[in-house]
N, C-alpha and C. Protein backbone atom coordinates (compact mmCIF):
# COMPACT_ATOMS: atom_id res chain seq x y z
N MET A 1 145.76 76.67 193.08
CA MET A 1 146.87 77.54 193.37
C MET A 1 148.13 76.69 193.44
N VAL A 2 149.20 77.21 192.86
CA VAL A 2 150.48 76.51 192.87
C VAL A 2 151.55 77.50 193.29
N GLY A 3 152.22 77.20 194.40
CA GLY A 3 153.27 78.05 194.89
C GLY A 3 154.50 77.25 195.24
N ALA A 4 155.64 77.70 194.81
CA ALA A 4 156.90 77.03 195.13
C ALA A 4 157.78 77.99 195.92
N GLY A 5 158.36 77.49 197.00
CA GLY A 5 159.21 78.33 197.83
C GLY A 5 158.49 79.56 198.33
N SER A 6 159.12 80.72 198.17
CA SER A 6 158.49 81.96 198.64
C SER A 6 157.26 82.33 197.81
N GLY A 7 157.02 81.62 196.72
CA GLY A 7 155.82 81.83 195.92
C GLY A 7 154.54 81.45 196.66
N ILE A 8 154.68 80.93 197.86
CA ILE A 8 153.53 80.57 198.68
C ILE A 8 152.89 81.81 199.31
N ALA A 9 153.64 82.89 199.45
CA ALA A 9 153.19 84.06 200.21
C ALA A 9 151.84 84.64 199.77
N PRO A 10 151.61 84.88 198.49
CA PRO A 10 150.31 85.47 198.14
C PRO A 10 149.14 84.53 198.44
N PHE A 11 149.37 83.24 198.40
CA PHE A 11 148.29 82.29 198.66
C PHE A 11 147.93 82.25 200.13
N ARG A 12 148.88 82.57 200.97
CA ARG A 12 148.60 82.68 202.41
C ARG A 12 147.53 83.76 202.62
N ALA A 13 147.70 84.88 201.94
CA ALA A 13 146.71 85.96 202.06
C ALA A 13 145.35 85.53 201.50
N PHE A 14 145.35 84.82 200.38
CA PHE A 14 144.09 84.32 199.81
C PHE A 14 143.34 83.45 200.82
N VAL A 15 144.08 82.53 201.44
CA VAL A 15 143.46 81.60 202.38
C VAL A 15 142.99 82.33 203.63
N GLN A 16 143.78 83.27 204.13
CA GLN A 16 143.36 84.04 205.30
C GLN A 16 142.09 84.82 205.02
N GLU A 17 142.00 85.42 203.83
CA GLU A 17 140.80 86.17 203.47
C GLU A 17 139.59 85.24 203.39
N ARG A 18 139.76 84.11 202.76
CA ARG A 18 138.66 83.15 202.61
C ARG A 18 138.24 82.61 203.98
N ALA A 19 139.19 82.38 204.87
CA ALA A 19 138.88 81.91 206.23
C ALA A 19 138.06 82.95 206.98
N GLY A 20 138.39 84.22 206.77
CA GLY A 20 137.62 85.30 207.40
C GLY A 20 136.19 85.33 206.90
N VAL A 21 136.01 85.14 205.61
CA VAL A 21 134.67 85.10 205.02
C VAL A 21 133.89 83.91 205.57
N ALA A 22 134.54 82.76 205.64
CA ALA A 22 133.89 81.55 206.16
C ALA A 22 133.51 81.72 207.63
N ALA A 23 134.33 82.44 208.38
CA ALA A 23 134.04 82.68 209.80
C ALA A 23 132.78 83.51 209.99
N GLU A 24 132.40 84.25 208.98
CA GLU A 24 131.18 85.07 209.03
C GLU A 24 129.97 84.27 208.54
N ASP A 25 130.12 82.96 208.44
CA ASP A 25 129.06 82.04 208.02
C ASP A 25 128.66 82.18 206.57
N PHE A 26 129.58 82.65 205.74
CA PHE A 26 129.35 82.67 204.30
C PHE A 26 129.91 81.39 203.70
N THR A 27 129.28 80.91 202.66
CA THR A 27 129.78 79.73 201.96
C THR A 27 130.93 80.14 201.05
N VAL A 28 131.99 79.38 201.10
CA VAL A 28 133.14 79.65 200.23
C VAL A 28 133.44 78.39 199.41
N GLY A 29 133.93 78.60 198.22
CA GLY A 29 134.29 77.49 197.35
C GLY A 29 135.57 76.82 197.79
N PRO A 30 135.86 75.68 197.21
CA PRO A 30 137.06 74.93 197.59
C PRO A 30 138.35 75.63 197.15
N MET A 31 139.39 75.44 197.94
CA MET A 31 140.72 75.95 197.62
C MET A 31 141.69 74.77 197.69
N LEU A 32 142.39 74.55 196.61
CA LEU A 32 143.38 73.49 196.55
C LEU A 32 144.73 74.15 196.29
N LEU A 33 145.64 73.98 197.23
CA LEU A 33 146.95 74.61 197.14
C LEU A 33 148.03 73.54 196.99
N PHE A 34 148.81 73.67 195.93
CA PHE A 34 149.97 72.82 195.73
C PHE A 34 151.20 73.63 196.11
N PHE A 35 152.00 73.10 197.02
CA PHE A 35 153.18 73.81 197.50
C PHE A 35 154.40 72.91 197.38
N SER A 36 155.52 73.51 197.00
CA SER A 36 156.76 72.73 196.97
C SER A 36 157.91 73.56 197.52
N CYS A 37 158.82 72.83 198.14
CA CYS A 37 160.08 73.40 198.59
C CYS A 37 161.05 72.23 198.73
N ARG A 38 162.24 72.52 199.16
CA ARG A 38 163.24 71.45 199.24
C ARG A 38 163.02 70.52 200.42
N SER A 39 162.77 71.09 201.60
CA SER A 39 162.75 70.27 202.80
C SER A 39 161.69 70.72 203.80
N THR A 40 161.04 69.76 204.42
CA THR A 40 160.03 70.11 205.44
C THR A 40 160.68 70.80 206.62
N SER A 41 161.89 70.43 206.95
CA SER A 41 162.53 70.99 208.15
C SER A 41 163.23 72.32 207.90
N LYS A 42 163.56 72.64 206.66
CA LYS A 42 164.33 73.85 206.40
C LYS A 42 163.55 75.00 205.77
N ASP A 43 162.64 74.71 204.87
CA ASP A 43 162.00 75.82 204.16
C ASP A 43 160.52 75.62 203.87
N PHE A 44 159.83 74.91 204.73
CA PHE A 44 158.39 74.75 204.60
C PHE A 44 157.74 75.95 205.29
N LEU A 45 157.57 77.01 204.52
CA LEU A 45 157.06 78.27 205.06
C LEU A 45 155.63 78.12 205.56
N TYR A 46 155.38 78.66 206.76
CA TYR A 46 154.05 78.67 207.39
C TYR A 46 153.50 77.26 207.64
N ALA A 47 154.37 76.29 207.86
CA ALA A 47 153.96 74.89 208.00
C ALA A 47 152.85 74.70 209.03
N ASP A 48 153.01 75.27 210.21
CA ASP A 48 152.00 75.11 211.27
C ASP A 48 150.67 75.72 210.86
N GLU A 49 150.74 76.85 210.20
CA GLU A 49 149.52 77.52 209.74
C GLU A 49 148.78 76.68 208.70
N TRP A 50 149.52 76.09 207.76
CA TRP A 50 148.89 75.25 206.74
C TRP A 50 148.26 74.01 207.37
N GLU A 51 148.97 73.42 208.32
CA GLU A 51 148.43 72.23 209.00
C GLU A 51 147.13 72.57 209.71
N ASN A 52 147.11 73.71 210.38
CA ASN A 52 145.90 74.15 211.08
C ASN A 52 144.77 74.41 210.09
N CYS A 53 145.06 75.08 208.99
CA CYS A 53 144.03 75.35 207.97
C CYS A 53 143.46 74.05 207.42
N ASN A 54 144.32 73.10 207.15
CA ASN A 54 143.88 71.81 206.62
C ASN A 54 142.94 71.11 207.60
N ARG A 55 143.22 71.27 208.88
CA ARG A 55 142.43 70.61 209.92
C ARG A 55 141.11 71.34 210.18
N VAL A 56 141.13 72.66 210.16
CA VAL A 56 139.98 73.47 210.58
C VAL A 56 139.01 73.79 209.46
N HIS A 57 139.51 74.04 208.27
CA HIS A 57 138.66 74.53 207.18
C HIS A 57 138.39 73.44 206.15
N ARG A 58 137.12 73.10 205.99
CA ARG A 58 136.75 72.07 205.02
C ARG A 58 137.00 72.52 203.59
N PHE A 59 136.98 73.82 203.34
CA PHE A 59 137.15 74.32 201.97
C PHE A 59 138.60 74.27 201.50
N PHE A 60 139.54 74.06 202.42
CA PHE A 60 140.97 74.17 202.10
C PHE A 60 141.67 72.82 202.11
N ASN A 61 142.56 72.63 201.14
CA ASN A 61 143.39 71.43 201.10
C ASN A 61 144.75 71.81 200.53
N ILE A 62 145.80 71.37 201.20
CA ILE A 62 147.16 71.62 200.71
C ILE A 62 147.81 70.29 200.36
N ASP A 63 148.53 70.29 199.26
CA ASP A 63 149.26 69.10 198.81
C ASP A 63 150.72 69.53 198.61
N CYS A 64 151.61 68.94 199.37
CA CYS A 64 153.01 69.38 199.38
C CYS A 64 153.94 68.42 198.66
N ALA A 65 154.97 69.00 198.08
CA ALA A 65 156.03 68.24 197.43
C ALA A 65 157.36 68.74 197.98
N PHE A 66 158.18 67.81 198.43
CA PHE A 66 159.48 68.17 198.99
C PHE A 66 160.57 67.47 198.17
N SER A 67 161.37 68.27 197.50
CA SER A 67 162.31 67.71 196.53
C SER A 67 163.57 67.10 197.14
N ARG A 68 163.86 67.38 198.40
CA ARG A 68 165.09 66.86 198.99
C ARG A 68 164.86 65.96 200.21
N ASP A 69 163.63 65.67 200.55
CA ASP A 69 163.36 64.89 201.75
C ASP A 69 163.45 63.38 201.55
N GLY A 70 163.19 62.91 200.37
CA GLY A 70 163.17 61.46 200.15
C GLY A 70 164.23 61.03 199.16
N GLU A 71 164.20 59.76 198.85
CA GLU A 71 165.14 59.22 197.87
C GLU A 71 164.86 59.77 196.48
N ARG A 72 163.58 59.96 196.19
CA ARG A 72 163.16 60.46 194.88
C ARG A 72 162.74 61.92 195.02
N LYS A 73 163.19 62.75 194.11
CA LYS A 73 162.79 64.15 194.13
C LYS A 73 161.34 64.25 193.69
N VAL A 74 160.55 64.98 194.46
CA VAL A 74 159.13 65.18 194.15
C VAL A 74 158.91 66.67 194.00
N TYR A 75 158.31 67.06 192.89
CA TYR A 75 158.06 68.46 192.61
C TYR A 75 156.57 68.74 192.57
N VAL A 76 156.24 70.00 192.62
CA VAL A 76 154.83 70.40 192.66
C VAL A 76 154.07 69.90 191.43
N GLN A 77 154.73 69.87 190.29
CA GLN A 77 154.05 69.37 189.09
C GLN A 77 153.73 67.88 189.19
N ASP A 78 154.52 67.13 189.97
CA ASP A 78 154.21 65.72 190.21
C ASP A 78 152.91 65.59 191.00
N ARG A 79 152.76 66.41 192.03
CA ARG A 79 151.54 66.39 192.84
C ARG A 79 150.33 66.81 192.01
N LEU A 80 150.52 67.81 191.19
CA LEU A 80 149.45 68.28 190.32
C LEU A 80 149.02 67.16 189.36
N ARG A 81 149.97 66.47 188.81
CA ARG A 81 149.68 65.36 187.90
C ARG A 81 148.90 64.26 188.62
N GLU A 82 149.28 63.96 189.86
CA GLU A 82 148.59 62.93 190.64
C GLU A 82 147.12 63.27 190.88
N ARG A 83 146.82 64.55 190.93
CA ARG A 83 145.45 64.98 191.22
C ARG A 83 144.80 65.63 190.01
N SER A 84 145.20 65.22 188.83
CA SER A 84 144.74 65.88 187.60
C SER A 84 143.23 65.82 187.42
N ARG A 85 142.60 64.73 187.82
CA ARG A 85 141.14 64.65 187.69
C ARG A 85 140.45 65.71 188.54
N GLU A 86 140.92 65.85 189.76
CA GLU A 86 140.34 66.85 190.66
C GLU A 86 140.57 68.26 190.13
N VAL A 87 141.77 68.52 189.65
CA VAL A 87 142.08 69.84 189.09
C VAL A 87 141.21 70.11 187.87
N ARG A 88 141.08 69.14 187.01
CA ARG A 88 140.23 69.28 185.82
C ARG A 88 138.79 69.59 186.22
N ARG A 89 138.28 68.87 187.22
CA ARG A 89 136.91 69.11 187.69
C ARG A 89 136.75 70.54 188.22
N LEU A 90 137.71 70.97 189.03
CA LEU A 90 137.63 72.32 189.59
C LEU A 90 137.70 73.39 188.50
N VAL A 91 138.65 73.23 187.59
CA VAL A 91 138.88 74.25 186.56
C VAL A 91 137.77 74.26 185.51
N VAL A 92 137.39 73.11 185.01
CA VAL A 92 136.43 73.05 183.90
C VAL A 92 134.99 73.07 184.39
N GLU A 93 134.66 72.19 185.32
CA GLU A 93 133.27 72.07 185.75
C GLU A 93 132.84 73.16 186.72
N GLN A 94 133.77 73.60 187.57
CA GLN A 94 133.41 74.58 188.58
C GLN A 94 133.93 75.99 188.27
N GLY A 95 134.69 76.13 187.20
CA GLY A 95 135.17 77.45 186.80
C GLY A 95 136.18 78.07 187.74
N ALA A 96 136.96 77.23 188.42
CA ALA A 96 137.96 77.73 189.37
C ALA A 96 139.06 78.50 188.66
N ALA A 97 139.60 79.48 189.37
CA ALA A 97 140.77 80.20 188.89
C ALA A 97 142.01 79.34 189.15
N PHE A 98 143.06 79.58 188.38
CA PHE A 98 144.31 78.83 188.51
C PHE A 98 145.44 79.83 188.63
N TYR A 99 146.11 79.83 189.77
CA TYR A 99 147.18 80.77 190.03
C TYR A 99 148.51 80.04 190.21
N ILE A 100 149.57 80.63 189.68
CA ILE A 100 150.92 80.08 189.83
C ILE A 100 151.84 81.19 190.32
N CYS A 101 152.65 80.88 191.33
CA CYS A 101 153.63 81.85 191.81
C CYS A 101 154.92 81.10 192.14
N GLY A 102 155.99 81.50 191.48
CA GLY A 102 157.28 80.86 191.70
C GLY A 102 158.18 81.04 190.50
N SER A 103 159.12 80.15 190.34
CA SER A 103 160.09 80.29 189.25
C SER A 103 159.43 80.12 187.89
N THR A 104 160.03 80.76 186.90
CA THR A 104 159.52 80.68 185.53
C THR A 104 159.53 79.24 185.03
N LYS A 105 160.60 78.50 185.32
CA LYS A 105 160.68 77.10 184.88
C LYS A 105 159.57 76.26 185.51
N MET A 106 159.36 76.42 186.81
CA MET A 106 158.31 75.66 187.49
C MET A 106 156.96 75.99 186.87
N ALA A 107 156.70 77.27 186.63
CA ALA A 107 155.41 77.69 186.07
C ALA A 107 155.19 77.08 184.69
N LYS A 108 156.25 77.05 183.89
CA LYS A 108 156.14 76.45 182.55
C LYS A 108 155.80 74.96 182.66
N ASP A 109 156.45 74.26 183.59
CA ASP A 109 156.18 72.84 183.79
C ASP A 109 154.76 72.61 184.32
N VAL A 110 154.31 73.45 185.22
CA VAL A 110 152.96 73.34 185.77
C VAL A 110 151.92 73.55 184.68
N LYS A 111 152.16 74.53 183.84
CA LYS A 111 151.21 74.79 182.74
C LYS A 111 151.12 73.58 181.81
N LYS A 112 152.25 72.94 181.53
CA LYS A 112 152.23 71.73 180.70
C LYS A 112 151.39 70.64 181.35
N VAL A 113 151.54 70.48 182.67
CA VAL A 113 150.76 69.46 183.38
C VAL A 113 149.28 69.81 183.35
N LEU A 114 148.95 71.09 183.53
CA LEU A 114 147.55 71.50 183.47
C LEU A 114 146.96 71.17 182.10
N ILE A 115 147.66 71.54 181.05
CA ILE A 115 147.19 71.24 179.69
C ILE A 115 147.07 69.73 179.49
N GLY A 116 148.03 68.98 180.01
CA GLY A 116 147.96 67.53 179.94
C GLY A 116 146.76 66.96 180.66
N SER A 117 146.42 67.54 181.80
CA SER A 117 145.26 67.03 182.54
C SER A 117 143.96 67.33 181.81
N LEU A 118 143.92 68.41 181.05
CA LEU A 118 142.73 68.72 180.25
C LEU A 118 142.69 67.84 178.99
N THR A 119 143.86 67.41 178.54
CA THR A 119 143.97 66.59 177.34
C THR A 119 143.66 65.12 177.62
N ASP A 120 143.95 64.68 178.83
CA ASP A 120 143.83 63.25 179.17
C ASP A 120 142.57 62.59 178.65
N SER A 121 141.42 63.13 178.99
CA SER A 121 140.19 62.44 178.59
C SER A 121 139.15 63.37 177.99
N MET A 122 139.44 64.66 177.96
CA MET A 122 138.44 65.60 177.52
C MET A 122 138.64 66.09 176.09
N TRP A 123 139.81 66.65 175.86
CA TRP A 123 140.06 67.35 174.62
C TRP A 123 141.39 66.94 174.03
N ASP A 124 141.60 67.35 172.77
CA ASP A 124 142.94 67.20 172.21
C ASP A 124 143.78 68.36 172.75
N LYS A 125 145.08 68.32 172.50
CA LYS A 125 146.00 69.30 173.06
C LYS A 125 145.65 70.72 172.62
N GLU A 126 145.28 70.90 171.36
CA GLU A 126 144.96 72.23 170.84
C GLU A 126 143.77 72.84 171.59
N LYS A 127 142.74 72.05 171.83
CA LYS A 127 141.57 72.55 172.55
C LYS A 127 141.94 72.89 174.00
N ALA A 128 142.79 72.09 174.62
CA ALA A 128 143.23 72.36 175.99
C ALA A 128 144.01 73.67 176.05
N ILE A 129 144.89 73.90 175.08
CA ILE A 129 145.65 75.15 175.03
C ILE A 129 144.71 76.33 174.83
N GLN A 130 143.73 76.19 173.96
CA GLN A 130 142.74 77.25 173.74
C GLN A 130 141.98 77.55 175.03
N TYR A 131 141.64 76.51 175.77
CA TYR A 131 140.90 76.70 177.02
C TYR A 131 141.74 77.50 178.02
N VAL A 132 143.01 77.14 178.17
CA VAL A 132 143.89 77.86 179.09
C VAL A 132 144.08 79.30 178.62
N ASN A 133 144.23 79.52 177.32
CA ASN A 133 144.35 80.89 176.80
C ASN A 133 143.09 81.70 177.08
N GLN A 134 141.92 81.07 176.98
CA GLN A 134 140.68 81.75 177.30
C GLN A 134 140.62 82.08 178.79
N MET A 135 141.10 81.17 179.62
CA MET A 135 141.17 81.44 181.06
C MET A 135 142.03 82.68 181.31
N LYS A 136 143.15 82.80 180.59
CA LYS A 136 144.02 83.97 180.73
C LYS A 136 143.27 85.25 180.38
N LYS A 137 142.54 85.23 179.27
CA LYS A 137 141.78 86.41 178.85
C LYS A 137 140.75 86.82 179.89
N GLU A 138 140.19 85.83 180.57
CA GLU A 138 139.17 86.09 181.59
C GLU A 138 139.78 86.27 182.98
N HIS A 139 141.10 86.34 183.04
CA HIS A 139 141.85 86.51 184.29
C HIS A 139 141.61 85.37 185.28
N LEU A 140 141.34 84.19 184.75
CA LEU A 140 141.18 83.00 185.58
C LEU A 140 142.46 82.17 185.64
N PHE A 141 143.43 82.55 184.83
CA PHE A 141 144.75 81.92 184.86
C PHE A 141 145.75 83.05 185.04
N GLN A 142 146.42 83.08 186.19
CA GLN A 142 147.35 84.16 186.52
C GLN A 142 148.69 83.57 186.92
N GLU A 143 149.75 84.23 186.49
CA GLU A 143 151.10 83.80 186.84
C GLU A 143 151.89 84.99 187.38
N ASP A 144 152.63 84.74 188.46
CA ASP A 144 153.61 85.70 188.96
C ASP A 144 154.90 84.91 189.09
N THR A 145 155.81 85.13 188.14
CA THR A 145 157.01 84.29 188.08
C THR A 145 158.28 85.12 188.01
N TRP A 146 159.37 84.45 188.31
CA TRP A 146 160.69 85.08 188.25
C TRP A 146 161.74 84.04 187.89
N THR A 147 162.90 84.55 187.43
CA THR A 147 164.00 83.64 187.07
C THR A 147 165.03 83.58 188.17
């Protein structure tokens, strides 16, 4: 899951639902959430809730990028690139769904990084694009974007 700014909102519901299922002693698959915003102090939505989820639920992991907190701007696609092996394993080997919510530009950049992570050691670019297109057909790749 990749959410930038207010694009984090639908993923909050996903995680809450999965936490409820886990509380009933059902096994749930892993959830990896990439989140970005400008600043931890100004617009890190649900920060305490994410910290608690990361601590309490083994199935959940959040990776944050803050573009205005440090000397170097860090974006969600940078975090995704850093964890490309893990993302590739989840998407290809485990059949995980891939969701993006946020700006159209961010989503386009994230999709490029996803295709790049599939291209790195597995396939050529064309095969990676075909794989992502097949994910779309199977509703395993979903985007909710805006300009």
